[in-house]
Structures are given as C-alpha cells and as structure tokens.
Amino acid sequence: MPQMMPMNWILSLIYFILLLMTFNIMNYYNYNNKMNNFLKINFKKKMLNWKW
C-alpha cells in the first residue's frame, strides 16, 4: 500500500467536505421549495373540500 501524502489527504478531505456541503445546501433549498408547493396545494385542496 503506497503511503499517502498528508497534505494531499487534507486537501482532498476539504474538497470532499465542500462538495458535500454544497450538495446538501442545494438539496435543502429544493426540498423546501417542493414542501412549500406541496403544502400550498394541500391547503387549497382542503379549502376547496371544506363544507361551506
């Protein structure tokens, strides 16, 4: 097994963490938008189905 350079390892780790963070942030925003739309639609349906 070849010995890894510590600096390379640290850099790759930082890069990976940054990638993960950006991915999570994107997912979070997309999820929030979807949830908001879903809740709005559900709310409208409930309001329409409500017995006036």
C-alpha atoms as a PDB file:
ATOM      1  CA  MET A   1       0.000   0.000   0.000  1.00  0.00           C
ATOM      2  CA  PRO A   2       1.547   3.336  -1.030  1.00  0.00           C
ATOM      3  CA  GLN A   3       1.911   5.983   1.613  1.00  0.00           C
ATOM      4  CA  MET A   4      -0.417   8.947   1.103  1.00  0.00           C
ATOM      5  CA  MET A   5       0.878  12.457   1.490  1.00  0.00           C
ATOM      6  CA  PRO A   6      -0.776  14.171   4.458  1.00  0.00           C
ATOM      7  CA  MET A   7      -1.187  17.448   2.576  1.00  0.00           C
ATOM      8  CA  ASN A   8      -2.910  15.719  -0.318  1.00  0.00           C
ATOM      9  CA  TRP A   9      -5.150  13.850   2.058  1.00  0.00           C
ATOM     10  CA  ILE A  10      -6.155  17.040   3.872  1.00  0.00           C
ATOM     11  CA  LEU A  11      -6.838  18.852   0.599  1.00  0.00           C
ATOM     12  CA  SER A  12      -8.950  16.025  -0.747  1.00  0.00           C
ATOM     13  CA  LEU A  13     -10.849  15.878   2.544  1.00  0.00           C
ATOM     14  CA  ILE A  14     -11.565  19.615   2.431  1.00  0.00           C
ATOM     15  CA  TYR A  15     -12.647  19.352  -1.187  1.00  0.00           C
ATOM     16  CA  PHE A  16     -14.946  16.449  -0.384  1.00  0.00           C
ATOM     17  CA  ILE A  17     -16.495  18.297   2.563  1.00  0.00           C
ATOM     18  CA  LEU A  18     -17.089  21.401   0.432  1.00  0.00           C
ATOM     19  CA  LEU A  19     -18.699  19.288  -2.255  1.00  0.00           C
ATOM     20  CA  LEU A  20     -20.916  17.583   0.304  1.00  0.00           C
ATOM     21  CA  MET A  21     -21.907  20.908   1.842  1.00  0.00           C
ATOM     22  CA  THR A  22     -22.861  22.486  -1.475  1.00  0.00           C
ATOM     23  CA  PHE A  23     -24.834  19.374  -2.398  1.00  0.00           C
ATOM     24  CA  ASN A  24     -26.664  19.470   0.939  1.00  0.00           C
ATOM     25  CA  ILE A  25     -27.470  23.161   0.580  1.00  0.00           C
ATOM     26  CA  MET A  26     -28.859  22.596  -2.914  1.00  0.00           C
ATOM     27  CA  ASN A  27     -30.940  19.672  -1.709  1.00  0.00           C
ATOM     28  CA  TYR A  28     -32.182  21.699   1.236  1.00  0.00           C
ATOM     29  CA  TYR A  29     -33.388  24.536  -0.986  1.00  0.00           C
ATOM     30  CA  ASN A  30     -35.017  22.188  -3.488  1.00  0.00           C
ATOM     31  CA  TYR A  31     -36.686  20.253  -0.680  1.00  0.00           C
ATOM     32  CA  ASN A  32     -38.001  23.467   0.878  1.00  0.00           C
ATOM     33  CA  ASN A  33     -39.448  24.647  -2.418  1.00  0.00           C
ATOM     34  CA  LYS A  34     -41.121  21.308  -3.020  1.00  0.00           C
ATOM     35  CA  MET A  35     -42.506  21.228   0.509  1.00  0.00           C
ATOM     36  CA  ASN A  36     -43.856  24.770   0.217  1.00  0.00           C
ATOM     37  CA  ASN A  37     -45.589  23.967  -3.059  1.00  0.00           C
ATOM     38  CA  PHE A  38     -46.934  20.735  -1.637  1.00  0.00           C
ATOM     39  CA  LEU A  39     -48.311  22.479   1.449  1.00  0.00           C
ATOM     40  CA  LYS A  40     -49.898  25.238  -0.635  1.00  0.00           C
ATOM     41  CA  ILE A  41     -51.562  22.711  -2.926  1.00  0.00           C
ATOM     42  CA  ASN A  42     -52.787  20.659   0.027  1.00  0.00           C
ATOM     43  CA  PHE A  43     -54.106  23.752   1.720  1.00  0.00           C
ATOM     44  CA  LYS A  44     -56.028  24.729  -1.408  1.00  0.00           C
ATOM     45  CA  LYS A  45     -57.463  21.233  -1.726  1.00  0.00           C
ATOM     46  CA  LYS A  46     -58.565  21.266   1.903  1.00  0.00           C
ATOM     47  CA  MET A  47     -60.124  24.682   1.461  1.00  0.00           C
ATOM     48  CA  LEU A  48     -61.946  23.512  -1.656  1.00  0.00           C
ATOM     49  CA  ASN A  49     -63.141  20.325   0.023  1.00  0.00           C
ATOM     50  CA  TRP A  50     -64.286  22.194   3.093  1.00  0.00           C
ATOM     51  CA  LYS A  51     -68.052  22.160   3.642  1.00  0.00           C
ATOM     52  CA  TRP A  52     -69.168  25.765   3.439  1.00  0.00           C
END
